[in-house]
Amino acid sequence: MDTERRLVTDIRLDLVGLVVSDMAASLAFYRRLGVEIPDGAESAPHVEVTLPGGLRLAWDTEDVVRSFDPGRRRPEGGNRIELAFRCGGPQAVDAVYEELVAAGYRGHLKPWDAFWGQRYAVVLDPDGSGVSLFADAAVEAGAGPAVEAGAGAGGDA
C-alpha cells in the first residue's frame, strides 16, 4: 500500500447500510443472528444499531432511499458485498445454518470445511443478499461447497 496514498487521513468505516424491501422481515432475520435491535423498530423506515466495537449497522426501506435517490433501481444479479458472522465453532456454523433454513430462510451454500481453513456456509436474507456464517475449522478441509437447489442470490433485492 506504500505506492497508493490515501487522499483523506481522517476517515474510518463507521456504518454498513442495507436497503430492504420489508423492514420487519429483515430485522427478524438479523435478530436471529444475534443483532440486538430495539423492539418496535419494524415499523420505522430507518433503523440503526451500534454493534460491539462501535461499527453501526443500518436498514432503510426502499421508499426512504427513493426519497433522496429517485432513480435508484434494485440491484440485479449477484451480490458484491456480503455480511459475515463469526460463529463460536464449526458445530455452531452448522446449527445456525440449520436453524435459519428450518425457519424458512433460503440456504445458498450448505456448511462445508473450506480450503482456507474455515467451516463456512451462506444463507440468504429476506432480500436475497448472501450472509456468510463461518468459524475456524477444526477438521481437515473438504472438497467444496454444496449449493442449495434454487438458492440463487438476488431476486428482487
N, C-alpha and C. Protein backbone atom coordinates (compact mmCIF):
# COMPACT_ATOMS: atom_id res chain seq x y z
N MET A 1 0.82 -1.19 0.00
CA MET A 1 0.00 0.00 0.00
C MET A 1 0.87 1.25 0.00
N ASP A 2 2.18 1.11 0.10
CA ASP A 2 3.06 2.27 0.09
C ASP A 2 2.96 3.05 -1.21
N THR A 3 2.63 2.38 -2.30
CA THR A 3 2.56 3.06 -3.60
C THR A 3 1.25 3.83 -3.77
N GLU A 4 0.25 3.53 -2.94
CA GLU A 4 -1.02 4.25 -3.01
C GLU A 4 -1.13 5.16 -1.80
N ARG A 5 -1.54 6.38 -2.05
CA ARG A 5 -1.73 7.33 -0.96
C ARG A 5 -3.21 7.56 -0.73
N ARG A 6 -3.59 7.56 0.52
CA ARG A 6 -4.97 7.90 0.83
C ARG A 6 -5.14 9.40 0.70
N LEU A 7 -6.24 9.82 0.10
CA LEU A 7 -6.49 11.24 -0.08
C LEU A 7 -6.92 11.90 1.22
N VAL A 8 -7.61 11.15 2.07
CA VAL A 8 -8.10 11.69 3.33
C VAL A 8 -7.53 10.84 4.45
N THR A 9 -7.00 11.48 5.47
CA THR A 9 -6.42 10.70 6.56
C THR A 9 -7.37 10.54 7.73
N ASP A 10 -8.37 11.40 7.85
CA ASP A 10 -9.31 11.30 8.96
C ASP A 10 -10.58 10.60 8.48
N ILE A 11 -10.45 9.30 8.19
CA ILE A 11 -11.58 8.55 7.65
C ILE A 11 -11.56 7.14 8.23
N ARG A 12 -12.75 6.60 8.51
CA ARG A 12 -12.87 5.23 9.01
C ARG A 12 -14.24 4.69 8.65
N LEU A 13 -14.33 3.39 8.48
CA LEU A 13 -15.61 2.75 8.23
C LEU A 13 -16.44 2.87 9.49
N ASP A 14 -17.63 3.42 9.39
CA ASP A 14 -18.46 3.70 10.56
C ASP A 14 -19.82 3.01 10.48
N LEU A 15 -20.35 2.81 9.27
CA LEU A 15 -21.70 2.30 9.14
C LEU A 15 -21.81 1.42 7.89
N VAL A 16 -22.52 0.31 8.04
CA VAL A 16 -22.89 -0.53 6.90
C VAL A 16 -24.40 -0.41 6.77
N GLY A 17 -24.85 0.01 5.60
CA GLY A 17 -26.27 0.22 5.40
C GLY A 17 -26.86 -0.82 4.46
N LEU A 18 -28.05 -1.28 4.79
CA LEU A 18 -28.78 -2.24 3.97
C LEU A 18 -30.09 -1.61 3.52
N VAL A 19 -30.39 -1.73 2.24
CA VAL A 19 -31.67 -1.26 1.70
C VAL A 19 -32.56 -2.49 1.62
N VAL A 20 -33.74 -2.41 2.25
CA VAL A 20 -34.60 -3.59 2.37
C VAL A 20 -35.99 -3.32 1.83
N SER A 21 -36.61 -4.38 1.33
CA SER A 21 -37.97 -4.26 0.82
C SER A 21 -39.00 -4.46 1.93
N ASP A 22 -38.66 -5.20 2.97
CA ASP A 22 -39.59 -5.48 4.07
C ASP A 22 -38.81 -5.36 5.38
N MET A 23 -38.98 -4.23 6.06
CA MET A 23 -38.21 -3.94 7.28
C MET A 23 -38.42 -5.03 8.34
N ALA A 24 -39.67 -5.40 8.59
CA ALA A 24 -39.94 -6.39 9.64
C ALA A 24 -39.26 -7.72 9.35
N ALA A 25 -39.35 -8.18 8.11
CA ALA A 25 -38.72 -9.46 7.74
C ALA A 25 -37.21 -9.39 7.88
N SER A 26 -36.63 -8.29 7.47
CA SER A 26 -35.18 -8.16 7.55
C SER A 26 -34.72 -8.11 9.00
N LEU A 27 -35.39 -7.32 9.83
CA LEU A 27 -34.99 -7.23 11.24
C LEU A 27 -35.15 -8.57 11.95
N ALA A 28 -36.20 -9.33 11.62
CA ALA A 28 -36.39 -10.65 12.24
C ALA A 28 -35.22 -11.57 11.89
N PHE A 29 -34.77 -11.53 10.64
CA PHE A 29 -33.63 -12.35 10.21
C PHE A 29 -32.37 -11.98 10.99
N TYR A 30 -32.05 -10.71 11.05
CA TYR A 30 -30.81 -10.30 11.70
C TYR A 30 -30.88 -10.45 13.23
N ARG A 31 -32.07 -10.38 13.80
CA ARG A 31 -32.21 -10.70 15.23
C ARG A 31 -31.83 -12.16 15.49
N ARG A 32 -32.21 -13.06 14.58
CA ARG A 32 -31.87 -14.48 14.73
C ARG A 32 -30.36 -14.69 14.73
N LEU A 33 -29.62 -13.77 14.10
CA LEU A 33 -28.16 -13.84 14.08
C LEU A 33 -27.53 -13.13 15.26
N GLY A 34 -28.35 -12.67 16.21
CA GLY A 34 -27.83 -12.09 17.43
C GLY A 34 -27.67 -10.58 17.43
N VAL A 35 -28.10 -9.91 16.36
CA VAL A 35 -28.02 -8.45 16.34
C VAL A 35 -29.13 -7.92 17.25
N GLU A 36 -28.74 -7.09 18.21
CA GLU A 36 -29.70 -6.52 19.15
C GLU A 36 -30.37 -5.31 18.51
N ILE A 37 -31.64 -5.46 18.21
CA ILE A 37 -32.43 -4.43 17.55
C ILE A 37 -33.60 -4.10 18.46
N PRO A 38 -33.84 -2.81 18.70
CA PRO A 38 -34.91 -2.43 19.63
C PRO A 38 -36.28 -2.96 19.21
N ASP A 39 -37.09 -3.34 20.18
CA ASP A 39 -38.47 -3.75 19.91
C ASP A 39 -39.21 -2.57 19.30
N GLY A 40 -40.11 -2.86 18.39
CA GLY A 40 -40.91 -1.82 17.76
C GLY A 40 -40.26 -1.17 16.55
N ALA A 41 -39.02 -1.54 16.25
CA ALA A 41 -38.31 -0.93 15.12
C ALA A 41 -38.89 -1.33 13.77
N GLU A 42 -39.68 -2.39 13.75
CA GLU A 42 -40.21 -2.94 12.49
C GLU A 42 -41.02 -1.92 11.70
N SER A 43 -41.63 -0.97 12.37
CA SER A 43 -42.48 0.00 11.68
C SER A 43 -41.72 1.26 11.25
N ALA A 44 -40.46 1.35 11.60
CA ALA A 44 -39.66 2.53 11.26
C ALA A 44 -39.12 2.41 9.84
N PRO A 45 -38.99 3.54 9.14
CA PRO A 45 -38.42 3.50 7.80
C PRO A 45 -36.89 3.43 7.81
N HIS A 46 -36.27 3.80 8.93
CA HIS A 46 -34.81 3.74 9.10
C HIS A 46 -34.53 3.19 10.49
N VAL A 47 -33.68 2.19 10.57
CA VAL A 47 -33.29 1.58 11.85
C VAL A 47 -31.77 1.53 11.88
N GLU A 48 -31.21 1.85 13.03
CA GLU A 48 -29.75 1.87 13.17
C GLU A 48 -29.37 1.33 14.54
N VAL A 49 -28.36 0.46 14.58
CA VAL A 49 -27.84 -0.06 15.84
C VAL A 49 -26.32 0.05 15.83
N THR A 50 -25.76 0.14 17.03
CA THR A 50 -24.31 0.14 17.17
C THR A 50 -23.88 -1.25 17.64
N LEU A 51 -22.99 -1.86 16.89
CA LEU A 51 -22.50 -3.20 17.19
C LEU A 51 -21.35 -3.13 18.18
N PRO A 52 -21.03 -4.23 18.87
CA PRO A 52 -19.85 -4.24 19.72
C PRO A 52 -18.63 -3.82 18.88
N GLY A 53 -17.85 -2.92 19.40
CA GLY A 53 -16.70 -2.42 18.66
C GLY A 53 -16.98 -1.07 18.02
N GLY A 54 -18.26 -0.66 17.99
CA GLY A 54 -18.59 0.67 17.53
C GLY A 54 -19.11 0.80 16.10
N LEU A 55 -18.94 -0.23 15.27
CA LEU A 55 -19.47 -0.17 13.91
C LEU A 55 -20.99 -0.13 13.97
N ARG A 56 -21.61 0.70 13.13
CA ARG A 56 -23.06 0.78 13.09
C ARG A 56 -23.60 0.00 11.90
N LEU A 57 -24.78 -0.59 12.10
CA LEU A 57 -25.49 -1.31 11.06
C LEU A 57 -26.85 -0.63 10.93
N ALA A 58 -27.24 -0.31 9.68
CA ALA A 58 -28.50 0.41 9.47
C ALA A 58 -29.31 -0.25 8.38
N TRP A 59 -30.61 -0.11 8.49
CA TRP A 59 -31.55 -0.59 7.49
C TRP A 59 -32.40 0.59 7.05
N ASP A 60 -32.60 0.71 5.75
CA ASP A 60 -33.50 1.71 5.20
C ASP A 60 -34.45 1.01 4.24
N THR A 61 -35.71 1.42 4.28
CA THR A 61 -36.65 0.85 3.32
C THR A 61 -36.34 1.42 1.93
N GLU A 62 -36.78 0.70 0.92
CA GLU A 62 -36.60 1.17 -0.46
C GLU A 62 -37.24 2.53 -0.65
N ASP A 63 -38.40 2.78 0.00
CA ASP A 63 -39.07 4.08 -0.12
C ASP A 63 -38.22 5.21 0.42
N VAL A 64 -37.54 4.98 1.53
CA VAL A 64 -36.66 6.02 2.10
C VAL A 64 -35.55 6.35 1.12
N VAL A 65 -34.92 5.34 0.56
CA VAL A 65 -33.82 5.58 -0.37
C VAL A 65 -34.33 6.29 -1.62
N ARG A 66 -35.47 5.88 -2.12
CA ARG A 66 -36.04 6.55 -3.31
C ARG A 66 -36.40 8.01 -3.02
N SER A 67 -36.63 8.36 -1.74
CA SER A 67 -36.98 9.74 -1.42
C SER A 67 -35.83 10.70 -1.71
N PHE A 68 -34.59 10.23 -1.62
CA PHE A 68 -33.45 11.10 -1.96
C PHE A 68 -32.69 10.64 -3.19
N ASP A 69 -33.03 9.45 -3.70
CA ASP A 69 -32.41 8.92 -4.92
C ASP A 69 -33.51 8.31 -5.79
N PRO A 70 -34.33 9.17 -6.41
CA PRO A 70 -35.49 8.67 -7.13
C PRO A 70 -35.17 7.75 -8.31
N GLY A 71 -33.97 7.79 -8.82
CA GLY A 71 -33.59 6.93 -9.94
C GLY A 71 -33.05 5.58 -9.52
N ARG A 72 -32.99 5.32 -8.22
CA ARG A 72 -32.42 4.05 -7.74
C ARG A 72 -33.23 2.87 -8.22
N ARG A 73 -32.51 1.85 -8.69
CA ARG A 73 -33.13 0.60 -9.11
C ARG A 73 -32.62 -0.51 -8.21
N ARG A 74 -33.44 -1.53 -8.04
CA ARG A 74 -33.00 -2.70 -7.28
C ARG A 74 -31.83 -3.35 -8.01
N PRO A 75 -30.82 -3.79 -7.26
CA PRO A 75 -29.69 -4.48 -7.90
C PRO A 75 -30.15 -5.76 -8.58
N GLU A 76 -29.49 -6.11 -9.66
CA GLU A 76 -29.77 -7.37 -10.36
C GLU A 76 -28.51 -8.21 -10.34
N GLY A 77 -28.66 -9.52 -10.39
CA GLY A 77 -27.51 -10.40 -10.41
C GLY A 77 -26.99 -10.67 -9.00
N GLY A 78 -25.74 -11.07 -8.92
CA GLY A 78 -25.13 -11.46 -7.66
C GLY A 78 -24.75 -10.29 -6.78
N ASN A 79 -24.43 -10.62 -5.54
CA ASN A 79 -24.02 -9.61 -4.56
C ASN A 79 -22.56 -9.24 -4.75
N ARG A 80 -22.23 -8.02 -4.43
CA ARG A 80 -20.84 -7.60 -4.43
C ARG A 80 -20.33 -7.44 -3.01
N ILE A 81 -21.23 -7.26 -2.07
CA ILE A 81 -20.86 -7.12 -0.66
C ILE A 81 -21.70 -8.11 0.13
N GLU A 82 -21.08 -8.74 1.12
CA GLU A 82 -21.77 -9.73 1.91
C GLU A 82 -21.38 -9.55 3.37
N LEU A 83 -22.35 -9.60 4.28
CA LEU A 83 -22.04 -9.58 5.70
C LEU A 83 -21.60 -10.98 6.11
N ALA A 84 -20.68 -11.05 7.05
CA ALA A 84 -20.18 -12.35 7.52
C ALA A 84 -20.23 -12.38 9.04
N PHE A 85 -20.82 -13.43 9.58
CA PHE A 85 -20.96 -13.59 11.02
C PHE A 85 -20.07 -14.73 11.50
N ARG A 86 -19.16 -14.41 12.44
CA ARG A 86 -18.30 -15.43 13.05
C ARG A 86 -19.14 -16.20 14.07
N CYS A 87 -19.07 -17.51 13.98
CA CYS A 87 -19.78 -18.39 14.91
C CYS A 87 -18.79 -18.95 15.92
N GLY A 88 -19.30 -19.49 17.02
CA GLY A 88 -18.46 -19.97 18.10
C GLY A 88 -17.62 -21.19 17.80
N GLY A 89 -17.87 -21.87 16.72
CA GLY A 89 -17.10 -23.04 16.33
C GLY A 89 -17.75 -23.69 15.14
N PRO A 90 -17.11 -24.73 14.59
CA PRO A 90 -17.65 -25.40 13.40
C PRO A 90 -19.07 -25.92 13.60
N GLN A 91 -19.36 -26.49 14.78
CA GLN A 91 -20.70 -27.02 15.02
C GLN A 91 -21.72 -25.89 15.07
N ALA A 92 -21.31 -24.71 15.52
CA ALA A 92 -22.22 -23.57 15.57
C ALA A 92 -22.60 -23.10 14.17
N VAL A 93 -21.66 -23.18 13.22
CA VAL A 93 -21.99 -22.83 11.83
C VAL A 93 -23.11 -23.73 11.35
N ASP A 94 -22.97 -25.03 11.57
CA ASP A 94 -23.99 -25.99 11.16
C ASP A 94 -25.32 -25.70 11.85
N ALA A 95 -25.28 -25.45 13.15
CA ALA A 95 -26.50 -25.24 13.92
C ALA A 95 -27.23 -23.96 13.48
N VAL A 96 -26.50 -22.88 13.29
CA VAL A 96 -27.12 -21.62 12.88
C VAL A 96 -27.71 -21.77 11.48
N TYR A 97 -26.95 -22.39 10.58
CA TYR A 97 -27.44 -22.61 9.22
C TYR A 97 -28.75 -23.41 9.26
N GLU A 98 -28.75 -24.52 9.98
CA GLU A 98 -29.93 -25.38 10.05
C GLU A 98 -31.11 -24.65 10.68
N GLU A 99 -30.85 -23.87 11.72
CA GLU A 99 -31.93 -23.12 12.38
C GLU A 99 -32.56 -22.12 11.41
N LEU A 100 -31.73 -21.40 10.66
CA LEU A 100 -32.26 -20.41 9.71
C LEU A 100 -33.04 -21.08 8.58
N VAL A 101 -32.53 -22.17 8.03
CA VAL A 101 -33.21 -22.88 6.95
C VAL A 101 -34.53 -23.46 7.47
N ALA A 102 -34.51 -24.02 8.67
CA ALA A 102 -35.73 -24.57 9.27
C ALA A 102 -36.77 -23.48 9.52
N ALA A 103 -36.31 -22.23 9.74
CA ALA A 103 -37.22 -21.12 9.97
C ALA A 103 -37.76 -20.54 8.65
N GLY A 104 -37.32 -21.12 7.52
CA GLY A 104 -37.85 -20.70 6.24
C GLY A 104 -36.94 -19.81 5.40
N TYR A 105 -35.75 -19.50 5.91
CA TYR A 105 -34.81 -18.71 5.12
C TYR A 105 -34.11 -19.61 4.12
N ARG A 106 -33.66 -19.04 3.01
CA ARG A 106 -33.05 -19.83 1.94
C ARG A 106 -31.57 -20.07 2.21
N GLY A 107 -31.19 -21.33 2.17
CA GLY A 107 -29.78 -21.67 2.22
C GLY A 107 -29.18 -21.48 0.84
N HIS A 108 -27.93 -21.06 0.79
CA HIS A 108 -27.25 -20.93 -0.50
C HIS A 108 -26.09 -21.91 -0.60
N LEU A 109 -25.21 -21.92 0.40
CA LEU A 109 -24.12 -22.92 0.48
C LEU A 109 -24.26 -23.65 1.80
N LYS A 110 -24.47 -24.96 1.71
CA LYS A 110 -24.52 -25.75 2.94
C LYS A 110 -23.17 -25.68 3.64
N PRO A 111 -23.14 -25.87 4.97
CA PRO A 111 -21.87 -25.83 5.69
C PRO A 111 -20.86 -26.83 5.11
N TRP A 112 -19.62 -26.37 4.97
CA TRP A 112 -18.54 -27.22 4.46
C TRP A 112 -17.22 -26.73 5.04
N ASP A 113 -16.24 -27.60 5.02
CA ASP A 113 -14.90 -27.25 5.50
C ASP A 113 -14.12 -26.68 4.33
N ALA A 114 -14.00 -25.38 4.31
CA ALA A 114 -13.38 -24.67 3.19
C ALA A 114 -11.87 -24.85 3.19
N PHE A 115 -11.30 -24.79 2.00
CA PHE A 115 -9.86 -24.98 1.85
C PHE A 115 -9.06 -23.89 2.55
N TRP A 116 -9.66 -22.76 2.88
CA TRP A 116 -8.94 -21.68 3.57
C TRP A 116 -8.97 -21.81 5.08
N GLY A 117 -9.47 -22.96 5.57
CA GLY A 117 -9.37 -23.26 7.00
C GLY A 117 -10.57 -22.86 7.84
N GLN A 118 -11.73 -22.69 7.23
CA GLN A 118 -12.92 -22.34 7.99
C GLN A 118 -14.06 -23.30 7.68
N ARG A 119 -14.92 -23.48 8.66
CA ARG A 119 -16.23 -24.08 8.42
C ARG A 119 -17.04 -22.92 7.90
N TYR A 120 -17.71 -23.08 6.76
CA TYR A 120 -18.29 -21.94 6.06
C TYR A 120 -19.63 -22.30 5.45
N ALA A 121 -20.58 -21.38 5.50
CA ALA A 121 -21.89 -21.57 4.90
C ALA A 121 -22.44 -20.20 4.51
N VAL A 122 -23.44 -20.19 3.63
CA VAL A 122 -24.09 -18.94 3.25
C VAL A 122 -25.60 -19.15 3.24
N VAL A 123 -26.31 -18.23 3.89
CA VAL A 123 -27.77 -18.17 3.83
C VAL A 123 -28.13 -16.85 3.16
N LEU A 124 -29.36 -16.76 2.65
CA LEU A 124 -29.81 -15.53 2.02
C LEU A 124 -30.79 -14.82 2.94
N ASP A 125 -30.59 -13.52 3.12
CA ASP A 125 -31.52 -12.75 3.94
C ASP A 125 -32.82 -12.55 3.14
N PRO A 126 -33.84 -11.93 3.73
CA PRO A 126 -35.12 -11.81 3.03
C PRO A 126 -35.06 -11.06 1.69
N ASP A 127 -34.02 -10.25 1.48
CA ASP A 127 -33.87 -9.54 0.21
C ASP A 127 -32.97 -10.28 -0.77
N GLY A 128 -32.52 -11.48 -0.40
CA GLY A 128 -31.69 -12.28 -1.29
C GLY A 128 -30.21 -11.99 -1.18
N SER A 129 -29.80 -11.19 -0.19
CA SER A 129 -28.38 -10.92 0.00
C SER A 129 -27.72 -12.05 0.77
N GLY A 130 -26.54 -12.44 0.32
CA GLY A 130 -25.81 -13.51 0.99
C GLY A 130 -25.30 -13.07 2.34
N VAL A 131 -25.42 -13.94 3.32
CA VAL A 131 -24.89 -13.73 4.66
C VAL A 131 -24.05 -14.95 5.00
N SER A 132 -22.75 -14.73 5.17
CA SER A 132 -21.83 -15.83 5.47
C SER A 132 -21.84 -16.16 6.95
N LEU A 133 -21.71 -17.44 7.23
CA LEU A 133 -21.53 -17.95 8.59
C LEU A 133 -20.21 -18.68 8.57
N PHE A 134 -19.33 -18.40 9.53
CA PHE A 134 -18.02 -19.05 9.50
C PHE A 134 -17.44 -19.23 10.89
N ALA A 135 -16.51 -20.15 10.98
CA ALA A 135 -15.72 -20.40 12.19
C ALA A 135 -14.44 -21.07 11.74
N ASP A 136 -13.41 -20.97 12.55
CA ASP A 136 -12.18 -21.70 12.24
C ASP A 136 -12.50 -23.18 12.23
N ALA A 137 -12.06 -23.87 11.18
CA ALA A 137 -12.36 -25.30 11.04
C ALA A 137 -11.48 -26.11 11.98
N ALA A 138 -12.09 -27.11 12.57
CA ALA A 138 -11.34 -27.99 13.48
C ALA A 138 -10.94 -29.28 12.80
N VAL A 139 -11.41 -29.48 11.56
CA VAL A 139 -11.12 -30.71 10.84
C VAL A 139 -10.50 -30.37 9.49
N GLU A 140 -10.00 -31.39 8.81
CA GLU A 140 -9.37 -31.20 7.50
C GLU A 140 -10.38 -30.67 6.49
N ALA A 141 -9.95 -29.74 5.64
CA ALA A 141 -10.83 -29.12 4.66
C ALA A 141 -11.37 -30.13 3.67
N GLY A 142 -12.64 -29.92 3.26
CA GLY A 142 -13.30 -30.81 2.33
C GLY A 142 -13.10 -30.38 0.89
N ALA A 143 -13.81 -31.04 0.00
CA ALA A 143 -13.62 -30.83 -1.43
C ALA A 143 -14.30 -29.57 -1.95
N GLY A 144 -15.41 -29.17 -1.37
CA GLY A 144 -16.08 -27.99 -1.88
C GLY A 144 -17.48 -27.85 -1.33
N PRO A 145 -18.11 -26.72 -1.58
CA PRO A 145 -19.42 -26.45 -1.02
C PRO A 145 -20.53 -27.13 -1.80
N ALA A 146 -21.65 -27.33 -1.15
CA ALA A 146 -22.85 -27.84 -1.81
C ALA A 146 -23.81 -26.67 -1.97
N VAL A 147 -24.12 -26.31 -3.19
CA VAL A 147 -25.03 -25.21 -3.46
C VAL A 147 -26.45 -25.72 -3.35
N GLU A 148 -27.28 -24.98 -2.61
CA GLU A 148 -28.68 -25.36 -2.45
C GLU A 148 -29.42 -25.21 -3.78
N ALA A 149 -30.33 -26.09 -4.06
CA ALA A 149 -31.12 -26.03 -5.29
C ALA A 149 -32.03 -24.81 -5.24
N GLY A 150 -32.02 -24.02 -6.31
CA GLY A 150 -32.89 -22.87 -6.42
C GLY A 150 -32.55 -21.74 -5.48
N ALA A 151 -31.33 -21.68 -4.97
CA ALA A 151 -30.97 -20.66 -3.99
C ALA A 151 -30.08 -19.59 -4.60
N GLY A 152 -30.38 -19.18 -5.79
CA GLY A 152 -29.59 -18.14 -6.43
C GLY A 152 -29.67 -16.84 -5.66
N ALA A 153 -28.61 -16.05 -5.67
CA ALA A 153 -28.59 -14.76 -4.98
C ALA A 153 -29.45 -13.79 -5.75
N GLY A 154 -29.98 -12.86 -5.03
CA GLY A 154 -30.65 -11.76 -5.69
C GLY A 154 -32.15 -11.87 -5.62
N GLY A 155 -32.79 -12.05 -6.73
CA GLY A 155 -34.23 -11.95 -6.77
C GLY A 155 -34.57 -10.48 -6.93
N ASP A 156 -35.51 -10.01 -6.14
CA ASP A 156 -35.92 -8.60 -6.23
C ASP A 156 -35.32 -7.78 -5.11
N ALA A 157 -34.11 -8.07 -4.72
CA ALA A 157 -33.47 -7.35 -3.61
C ALA A 157 -33.23 -5.92 -3.96
